[in-house]
C-alpha cells in the first residue's frame, strides 16, 4: 500500500506557460483522488511555479508589458495597489502593461525583490516601500537595537 501511495505522489504533468514571448515548461506533481482520478495541481505548486517564472523574467531583464502584468497578477495585486506600492499612478501601470511606456530598470529590480520576498514568504520590500511613501513620524528618543 505504501508503494501505491508513493507512485501516486510521483505523478507529474507538464505545465506550459507563455509570458512575454517566452515559453516556460515544467513537470509539476499532480494530485489524484483516492480513486486515482486526476484532480490537477495544488495551488501552492502553481504559485511556486508562477513565482519562479516571475523571478526568471526579472533576472533576465524581460521588461515587457506582458511580463509586468504577469508579475502583478502572480503577486495578487491590483494595478492600483501596485501603483501605490511603487509610488506611481495606476495610469503608469496601465501604460507599462500595454507597452506604451517602458518600465525603468530600477522599478524592474524592485519588482524582482518583491517577487523574491513573496517566494520566501516575506514582505520586506513592500513594507519598506509603503513606509517610505507614508513618511511616518520617527521617534524622538533613542532606539535600542539588539544585534545577535
N, C-alpha and C. Protein backbone atom coordinates (compact mmCIF):
# COMPACT_ATOMS: atom_id res chain seq x y z
N UNK A 1 0.83 -1.19 0.00
CA UNK A 1 0.00 0.00 0.00
C UNK A 1 0.87 1.26 0.00
N UNK A 2 1.98 1.24 0.76
CA UNK A 2 2.88 2.40 0.78
C UNK A 2 3.46 2.66 -0.60
N UNK A 3 3.74 1.58 -1.34
CA UNK A 3 4.27 1.74 -2.69
C UNK A 3 3.25 2.41 -3.60
N UNK A 4 1.98 2.08 -3.41
CA UNK A 4 0.92 2.68 -4.22
C UNK A 4 0.83 4.18 -3.93
N UNK A 5 0.93 4.57 -2.65
CA UNK A 5 0.88 5.99 -2.29
C UNK A 5 2.07 6.72 -2.89
N UNK A 6 3.27 6.09 -2.86
CA UNK A 6 4.46 6.72 -3.43
C UNK A 6 4.29 6.91 -4.93
N UNK A 7 3.78 5.91 -5.60
CA UNK A 7 3.59 6.00 -7.04
C UNK A 7 2.61 7.12 -7.37
N UNK A 8 1.53 7.25 -6.60
CA UNK A 8 0.54 8.30 -6.85
C UNK A 8 1.15 9.66 -6.62
N UNK A 9 1.98 9.79 -5.60
CA UNK A 9 2.59 11.08 -5.29
C UNK A 9 3.61 11.47 -6.34
N UNK A 10 4.18 10.49 -7.05
CA UNK A 10 5.24 10.77 -8.01
C UNK A 10 4.71 11.18 -9.38
N UNK A 11 3.41 11.13 -9.60
CA UNK A 11 2.85 11.51 -10.90
C UNK A 11 3.05 12.99 -11.14
N UNK A 12 3.43 13.29 -12.37
CA UNK A 12 3.62 14.69 -12.76
C UNK A 12 2.91 14.94 -14.07
N UNK A 13 2.73 16.19 -14.35
CA UNK A 13 2.12 16.60 -15.61
C UNK A 13 2.82 17.86 -16.08
N UNK A 14 2.99 17.97 -17.36
CA UNK A 14 3.67 19.13 -17.91
C UNK A 14 2.76 20.36 -17.88
N UNK A 15 3.31 21.46 -17.41
CA UNK A 15 2.60 22.74 -17.44
C UNK A 15 3.39 23.66 -18.35
N UNK A 16 2.70 24.25 -19.30
CA UNK A 16 3.32 25.16 -20.26
C UNK A 16 2.68 26.53 -20.10
N UNK A 17 3.52 27.54 -19.94
CA UNK A 17 3.05 28.92 -19.77
C UNK A 17 3.89 29.82 -20.67
N UNK A 18 3.23 30.68 -21.43
CA UNK A 18 3.92 31.63 -22.28
C UNK A 18 3.75 33.03 -21.71
N UNK A 19 4.86 33.72 -21.47
CA UNK A 19 4.83 35.08 -20.95
C UNK A 19 5.85 35.91 -21.73
N UNK A 20 5.40 37.02 -22.28
CA UNK A 20 6.32 37.91 -22.98
C UNK A 20 7.08 37.25 -24.11
N UNK A 21 6.45 36.27 -24.76
CA UNK A 21 7.10 35.59 -25.87
C UNK A 21 8.03 34.46 -25.46
N UNK A 22 8.11 34.16 -24.17
CA UNK A 22 8.97 33.08 -23.67
C UNK A 22 8.06 31.95 -23.19
N UNK A 23 8.36 30.74 -23.63
CA UNK A 23 7.60 29.58 -23.20
C UNK A 23 8.31 28.91 -22.03
N UNK A 24 7.60 28.76 -20.94
CA UNK A 24 8.12 28.10 -19.74
C UNK A 24 7.45 26.74 -19.63
N UNK A 25 8.26 25.70 -19.44
CA UNK A 25 7.76 24.34 -19.35
C UNK A 25 8.29 23.71 -18.08
N UNK A 26 7.41 23.06 -17.32
CA UNK A 26 7.84 22.38 -16.09
C UNK A 26 6.98 21.14 -15.88
N UNK A 27 7.60 20.13 -15.30
CA UNK A 27 6.88 18.94 -14.85
C UNK A 27 6.49 19.20 -13.40
N UNK A 28 5.20 19.28 -13.14
CA UNK A 28 4.73 19.56 -11.79
C UNK A 28 3.95 18.37 -11.25
N UNK A 29 4.08 18.11 -9.96
CA UNK A 29 3.33 16.99 -9.38
C UNK A 29 1.83 17.26 -9.45
N UNK A 30 1.08 16.21 -9.76
CA UNK A 30 -0.38 16.33 -9.81
C UNK A 30 -0.99 15.59 -8.63
N UNK A 31 -2.15 16.04 -8.25
CA UNK A 31 -2.89 15.45 -7.14
C UNK A 31 -3.94 14.52 -7.72
N UNK A 32 -4.06 13.35 -7.14
CA UNK A 32 -5.09 12.40 -7.54
C UNK A 32 -5.95 12.06 -6.34
N UNK A 33 -7.20 11.78 -6.60
CA UNK A 33 -8.11 11.38 -5.53
C UNK A 33 -7.79 9.95 -5.13
N UNK A 34 -8.43 9.46 -4.08
CA UNK A 34 -8.23 8.09 -3.61
C UNK A 34 -8.58 7.09 -4.70
N UNK A 35 -9.51 7.45 -5.57
CA UNK A 35 -9.91 6.54 -6.65
C UNK A 35 -8.94 6.59 -7.83
N UNK A 36 -7.95 7.49 -7.75
CA UNK A 36 -6.98 7.62 -8.82
C UNK A 36 -7.37 8.64 -9.87
N UNK A 37 -8.51 9.30 -9.69
CA UNK A 37 -8.94 10.31 -10.66
C UNK A 37 -8.03 11.54 -10.56
N UNK A 38 -7.66 12.06 -11.70
CA UNK A 38 -6.79 13.23 -11.76
C UNK A 38 -7.55 14.46 -11.26
N UNK A 39 -6.95 15.19 -10.32
CA UNK A 39 -7.59 16.40 -9.80
C UNK A 39 -6.85 17.67 -10.17
N UNK A 40 -5.59 17.57 -10.59
CA UNK A 40 -4.85 18.75 -11.01
C UNK A 40 -3.70 19.10 -10.08
N UNK A 41 -3.21 20.31 -10.22
CA UNK A 41 -2.09 20.78 -9.43
C UNK A 41 -2.58 21.45 -8.16
N UNK A 42 -1.76 21.38 -7.13
CA UNK A 42 -2.06 22.12 -5.90
C UNK A 42 -1.83 23.61 -6.15
N UNK A 43 -2.61 24.46 -5.50
CA UNK A 43 -2.45 25.90 -5.63
C UNK A 43 -1.04 26.33 -5.25
N UNK A 44 -0.47 25.70 -4.20
CA UNK A 44 0.88 26.06 -3.75
C UNK A 44 1.91 25.74 -4.83
N UNK A 45 1.71 24.65 -5.54
CA UNK A 45 2.63 24.26 -6.61
C UNK A 45 2.55 25.27 -7.74
N UNK A 46 1.34 25.65 -8.12
CA UNK A 46 1.16 26.64 -9.18
C UNK A 46 1.78 27.98 -8.78
N UNK A 47 1.59 28.38 -7.52
CA UNK A 47 2.15 29.65 -7.07
C UNK A 47 3.68 29.62 -7.13
N UNK A 48 4.29 28.51 -6.69
CA UNK A 48 5.76 28.39 -6.75
C UNK A 48 6.24 28.46 -8.20
N UNK A 49 5.52 27.80 -9.09
CA UNK A 49 5.90 27.82 -10.50
C UNK A 49 5.75 29.24 -11.06
N UNK A 50 4.65 29.89 -10.76
CA UNK A 50 4.43 31.26 -11.24
C UNK A 50 5.50 32.21 -10.71
N UNK A 51 5.87 32.07 -9.45
CA UNK A 51 6.91 32.92 -8.87
C UNK A 51 8.27 32.63 -9.50
N UNK A 52 8.53 31.36 -9.82
CA UNK A 52 9.79 31.00 -10.50
C UNK A 52 9.84 31.64 -11.88
N UNK A 53 8.70 31.65 -12.58
CA UNK A 53 8.63 32.33 -13.88
C UNK A 53 8.90 33.81 -13.69
N UNK A 54 8.25 34.42 -12.69
CA UNK A 54 8.45 35.84 -12.42
C UNK A 54 9.90 36.16 -12.11
N UNK A 55 10.54 35.33 -11.29
CA UNK A 55 11.95 35.55 -10.96
C UNK A 55 12.81 35.47 -12.21
N UNK A 56 12.53 34.50 -13.07
CA UNK A 56 13.30 34.36 -14.31
C UNK A 56 13.13 35.62 -15.17
N UNK A 57 11.90 36.09 -15.31
CA UNK A 57 11.64 37.28 -16.13
C UNK A 57 12.43 38.48 -15.63
N UNK A 58 12.43 38.66 -14.31
CA UNK A 58 13.14 39.81 -13.73
C UNK A 58 14.65 39.65 -13.91
N UNK A 59 15.16 38.46 -13.59
CA UNK A 59 16.60 38.24 -13.66
C UNK A 59 17.14 38.34 -15.09
N UNK A 60 16.28 38.12 -16.08
CA UNK A 60 16.72 38.19 -17.46
C UNK A 60 16.30 39.50 -18.15
N UNK A 61 15.82 40.45 -17.35
CA UNK A 61 15.50 41.78 -17.88
C UNK A 61 14.38 41.82 -18.89
N UNK A 62 13.42 40.94 -18.78
CA UNK A 62 12.31 40.87 -19.73
C UNK A 62 11.28 41.95 -19.40
N UNK A 63 11.66 43.21 -19.60
CA UNK A 63 10.81 44.34 -19.20
C UNK A 63 9.75 44.65 -20.25
N UNK A 64 8.82 43.71 -20.42
CA UNK A 64 7.71 43.90 -21.36
C UNK A 64 6.43 44.12 -20.57
N UNK A 65 5.44 44.65 -21.25
CA UNK A 65 4.14 44.84 -20.61
C UNK A 65 3.53 43.52 -20.15
N UNK A 66 3.66 42.50 -20.99
CA UNK A 66 3.12 41.19 -20.65
C UNK A 66 3.82 40.63 -19.40
N UNK A 67 5.13 40.83 -19.33
CA UNK A 67 5.88 40.35 -18.16
C UNK A 67 5.46 41.08 -16.90
N UNK A 68 5.28 42.40 -17.00
CA UNK A 68 4.86 43.18 -15.84
C UNK A 68 3.47 42.74 -15.38
N UNK A 69 2.56 42.55 -16.33
CA UNK A 69 1.21 42.09 -15.98
C UNK A 69 1.28 40.73 -15.28
N UNK A 70 2.14 39.82 -15.79
CA UNK A 70 2.33 38.51 -15.17
C UNK A 70 2.80 38.66 -13.72
N UNK A 71 3.80 39.52 -13.52
CA UNK A 71 4.32 39.73 -12.16
C UNK A 71 3.24 40.26 -11.24
N UNK A 72 2.51 41.26 -11.70
CA UNK A 72 1.47 41.86 -10.87
C UNK A 72 0.42 40.83 -10.48
N UNK A 73 -0.04 40.07 -11.46
CA UNK A 73 -1.07 39.06 -11.18
C UNK A 73 -0.53 37.94 -10.31
N UNK A 74 0.71 37.54 -10.53
CA UNK A 74 1.33 36.50 -9.71
C UNK A 74 1.43 36.96 -8.26
N UNK A 75 1.70 38.24 -8.06
CA UNK A 75 1.77 38.80 -6.71
C UNK A 75 0.38 39.02 -6.11
N UNK A 76 -0.66 38.84 -6.92
CA UNK A 76 -2.03 39.01 -6.43
C UNK A 76 -2.39 40.46 -6.17
N UNK A 77 -1.78 41.36 -6.95
CA UNK A 77 -2.00 42.79 -6.74
C UNK A 77 -2.84 43.37 -7.87
N UNK A 78 -3.75 44.27 -7.50
CA UNK A 78 -4.48 45.05 -8.50
C UNK A 78 -3.54 46.16 -8.97
N UNK A 79 -3.83 46.71 -10.13
CA UNK A 79 -2.98 47.76 -10.70
C UNK A 79 -2.85 48.94 -9.74
N UNK A 80 -3.95 49.33 -9.11
CA UNK A 80 -3.92 50.46 -8.18
C UNK A 80 -3.03 50.16 -6.98
N UNK A 81 -3.11 48.93 -6.47
CA UNK A 81 -2.27 48.56 -5.32
C UNK A 81 -0.80 48.58 -5.69
N UNK A 82 -0.44 48.03 -6.84
CA UNK A 82 0.96 48.05 -7.27
C UNK A 82 1.42 49.48 -7.49
N UNK A 83 0.54 50.30 -8.06
CA UNK A 83 0.88 51.71 -8.29
C UNK A 83 1.20 52.41 -6.97
N UNK A 84 0.39 52.16 -5.95
CA UNK A 84 0.62 52.78 -4.64
C UNK A 84 1.94 52.32 -4.03
N UNK A 85 2.24 51.03 -4.15
CA UNK A 85 3.48 50.49 -3.60
C UNK A 85 4.70 51.10 -4.30
N UNK A 86 4.60 51.26 -5.63
CA UNK A 86 5.73 51.77 -6.40
C UNK A 86 5.79 53.29 -6.44
N UNK A 87 4.74 53.95 -5.96
CA UNK A 87 4.73 55.41 -5.96
C UNK A 87 4.49 56.01 -7.33
N UNK A 88 3.68 55.31 -8.14
CA UNK A 88 3.32 55.81 -9.47
C UNK A 88 1.79 55.81 -9.55
N UNK A 89 1.27 56.25 -10.68
CA UNK A 89 -0.18 56.25 -10.86
C UNK A 89 -0.63 54.93 -11.48
N UNK A 90 -1.91 54.63 -11.34
CA UNK A 90 -2.47 53.45 -11.98
C UNK A 90 -2.36 53.58 -13.50
N UNK A 91 -2.42 54.81 -13.99
CA UNK A 91 -2.25 55.05 -15.43
C UNK A 91 -0.86 54.62 -15.88
N UNK A 92 0.15 54.86 -15.05
CA UNK A 92 1.51 54.43 -15.39
C UNK A 92 1.59 52.92 -15.48
N UNK A 93 0.95 52.23 -14.53
CA UNK A 93 0.92 50.76 -14.57
C UNK A 93 0.27 50.31 -15.88
N UNK A 94 -0.84 50.93 -16.25
CA UNK A 94 -1.53 50.60 -17.50
C UNK A 94 -0.62 50.83 -18.70
N UNK A 95 0.08 51.95 -18.72
CA UNK A 95 0.99 52.25 -19.83
C UNK A 95 2.11 51.21 -19.91
N UNK A 96 2.65 50.82 -18.76
CA UNK A 96 3.69 49.79 -18.74
C UNK A 96 3.14 48.48 -19.29
N UNK A 97 1.97 48.07 -18.79
CA UNK A 97 1.40 46.78 -19.17
C UNK A 97 0.98 46.73 -20.63
N UNK A 98 0.68 47.88 -21.22
CA UNK A 98 0.27 47.93 -22.62
C UNK A 98 1.40 48.37 -23.54
N UNK A 99 2.63 48.34 -23.02
CA UNK A 99 3.84 48.67 -23.79
C UNK A 99 3.80 50.06 -24.40
N UNK A 100 3.11 50.99 -23.75
CA UNK A 100 3.12 52.38 -24.20
C UNK A 100 4.22 53.16 -23.49
N UNK A 101 4.78 52.57 -22.44
CA UNK A 101 5.87 53.18 -21.67
C UNK A 101 6.73 52.04 -21.16
N UNK A 102 8.05 52.20 -21.29
CA UNK A 102 8.95 51.14 -20.83
C UNK A 102 9.16 51.23 -19.32
N UNK A 103 9.13 50.08 -18.67
CA UNK A 103 9.40 50.02 -17.23
C UNK A 103 10.87 50.35 -17.02
N UNK A 104 11.15 51.31 -16.13
CA UNK A 104 12.55 51.68 -15.89
C UNK A 104 13.26 50.56 -15.13
N UNK A 105 14.58 50.45 -15.31
CA UNK A 105 15.34 49.35 -14.69
C UNK A 105 15.24 49.30 -13.17
N UNK A 106 15.21 50.43 -12.50
CA UNK A 106 15.14 50.42 -11.03
C UNK A 106 13.81 49.84 -10.56
N UNK A 107 12.72 50.24 -11.20
CA UNK A 107 11.41 49.69 -10.86
C UNK A 107 11.41 48.19 -11.11
N UNK A 108 12.04 47.76 -12.19
CA UNK A 108 12.10 46.34 -12.53
C UNK A 108 12.82 45.55 -11.44
N UNK A 109 13.93 46.10 -10.94
CA UNK A 109 14.69 45.44 -9.88
C UNK A 109 13.87 45.38 -8.59
N UNK A 110 13.14 46.46 -8.29
CA UNK A 110 12.27 46.47 -7.10
C UNK A 110 11.20 45.40 -7.23
N UNK A 111 10.61 45.26 -8.41
CA UNK A 111 9.62 44.20 -8.63
C UNK A 111 10.24 42.83 -8.40
N UNK A 112 11.48 42.66 -8.82
CA UNK A 112 12.18 41.40 -8.58
C UNK A 112 12.34 41.12 -7.10
N UNK A 113 12.65 42.16 -6.32
CA UNK A 113 12.77 41.98 -4.87
C UNK A 113 11.43 41.59 -4.25
N UNK A 114 10.36 42.17 -4.76
CA UNK A 114 9.02 41.82 -4.25
C UNK A 114 8.71 40.36 -4.57
N UNK A 115 9.05 39.92 -5.78
CA UNK A 115 8.81 38.53 -6.18
C UNK A 115 9.64 37.59 -5.31
N UNK A 116 10.92 37.90 -5.09
CA UNK A 116 11.76 37.05 -4.24
C UNK A 116 11.24 37.01 -2.81
N UNK A 117 10.79 38.15 -2.30
CA UNK A 117 10.18 38.17 -0.96
C UNK A 117 8.99 37.23 -0.90
N UNK A 118 8.09 37.33 -1.88
CA UNK A 118 6.89 36.51 -1.89
C UNK A 118 7.26 35.03 -1.92
N UNK A 119 8.26 34.68 -2.73
CA UNK A 119 8.69 33.28 -2.82
C UNK A 119 9.22 32.78 -1.48
N UNK A 120 9.81 33.69 -0.69
CA UNK A 120 10.34 33.33 0.62
C UNK A 120 9.31 33.51 1.73
N UNK A 121 8.10 33.92 1.38
CA UNK A 121 7.06 34.14 2.39
C UNK A 121 7.28 35.41 3.19
N UNK A 122 7.97 36.37 2.61
CA UNK A 122 8.31 37.63 3.28
C UNK A 122 7.61 38.81 2.60
N UNK A 123 7.62 39.96 3.28
CA UNK A 123 7.04 41.18 2.70
C UNK A 123 7.95 42.39 2.92
N UNK A 124 9.25 42.16 3.12
CA UNK A 124 10.16 43.25 3.46
C UNK A 124 10.13 44.42 2.47
N UNK A 125 10.22 44.11 1.19
CA UNK A 125 10.31 45.18 0.19
C UNK A 125 9.02 45.99 0.13
N UNK A 126 7.87 45.33 0.10
CA UNK A 126 6.59 46.05 0.07
C UNK A 126 6.43 46.87 1.34
N UNK A 127 6.78 46.30 2.49
CA UNK A 127 6.67 47.03 3.76
C UNK A 127 7.55 48.28 3.74
N UNK A 128 8.78 48.14 3.25
CA UNK A 128 9.70 49.28 3.21
C UNK A 128 9.20 50.35 2.25
N UNK A 129 8.67 49.95 1.11
CA UNK A 129 8.13 50.92 0.15
C UNK A 129 6.93 51.66 0.74
N UNK A 130 6.05 50.93 1.38
CA UNK A 130 4.88 51.58 1.99
C UNK A 130 5.30 52.56 3.08
N UNK A 131 6.28 52.18 3.89
CA UNK A 131 6.76 53.07 4.94
C UNK A 131 7.41 54.31 4.33
N UNK A 132 8.17 54.12 3.26
CA UNK A 132 8.83 55.26 2.62
C UNK A 132 7.83 56.25 2.04
N UNK A 133 6.72 55.73 1.51
CA UNK A 133 5.70 56.60 0.94
C UNK A 133 4.84 57.28 2.00
N UNK A 134 4.70 56.65 3.17
CA UNK A 134 3.81 57.20 4.20
C UNK A 134 4.49 58.24 5.07
N UNK A 135 5.81 58.26 5.08
CA UNK A 135 6.59 59.20 5.90
C UNK A 135 6.11 59.21 7.35
N UNK A 136 6.24 58.09 8.04
CA UNK A 136 5.78 58.04 9.42
C UNK A 136 6.61 58.94 10.32
N UNK A 137 6.01 59.34 11.41
CA UNK A 137 6.72 60.17 12.39
C UNK A 137 7.71 59.27 13.12
N UNK A 138 8.96 59.67 13.11
CA UNK A 138 10.00 58.89 13.75
C UNK A 138 10.09 59.25 15.23
N UNK A 139 10.52 58.30 16.05
CA UNK A 139 10.62 58.57 17.49
C UNK A 139 11.69 59.61 17.78
N UNK A 140 11.47 60.43 18.83
CA UNK A 140 12.48 61.42 19.19
C UNK A 140 13.30 60.94 20.39
N UNK A 141 13.25 59.65 20.64
CA UNK A 141 14.03 59.05 21.72
C UNK A 141 14.98 58.02 21.10
N UNK A 142 15.89 57.54 21.89
CA UNK A 142 16.84 56.53 21.40
C UNK A 142 16.11 55.24 21.02
N UNK A 143 16.59 54.61 19.98
CA UNK A 143 16.05 53.33 19.53
C UNK A 143 17.09 52.28 19.88
N UNK A 144 16.69 51.33 20.68
CA UNK A 144 17.62 50.26 21.10
C UNK A 144 17.47 49.09 20.12
N UNK A 145 18.60 48.70 19.56
CA UNK A 145 18.62 47.57 18.63
C UNK A 145 19.39 46.42 19.26
N UNK A 146 18.85 45.23 19.14
CA UNK A 146 19.52 44.02 19.63
C UNK A 146 20.20 43.36 18.45
N UNK A 147 21.50 43.22 18.51
CA UNK A 147 22.26 42.59 17.44
C UNK A 147 22.65 41.19 17.89
N UNK A 148 22.24 40.21 17.13
CA UNK A 148 22.53 38.80 17.50
C UNK A 148 23.91 38.39 17.02
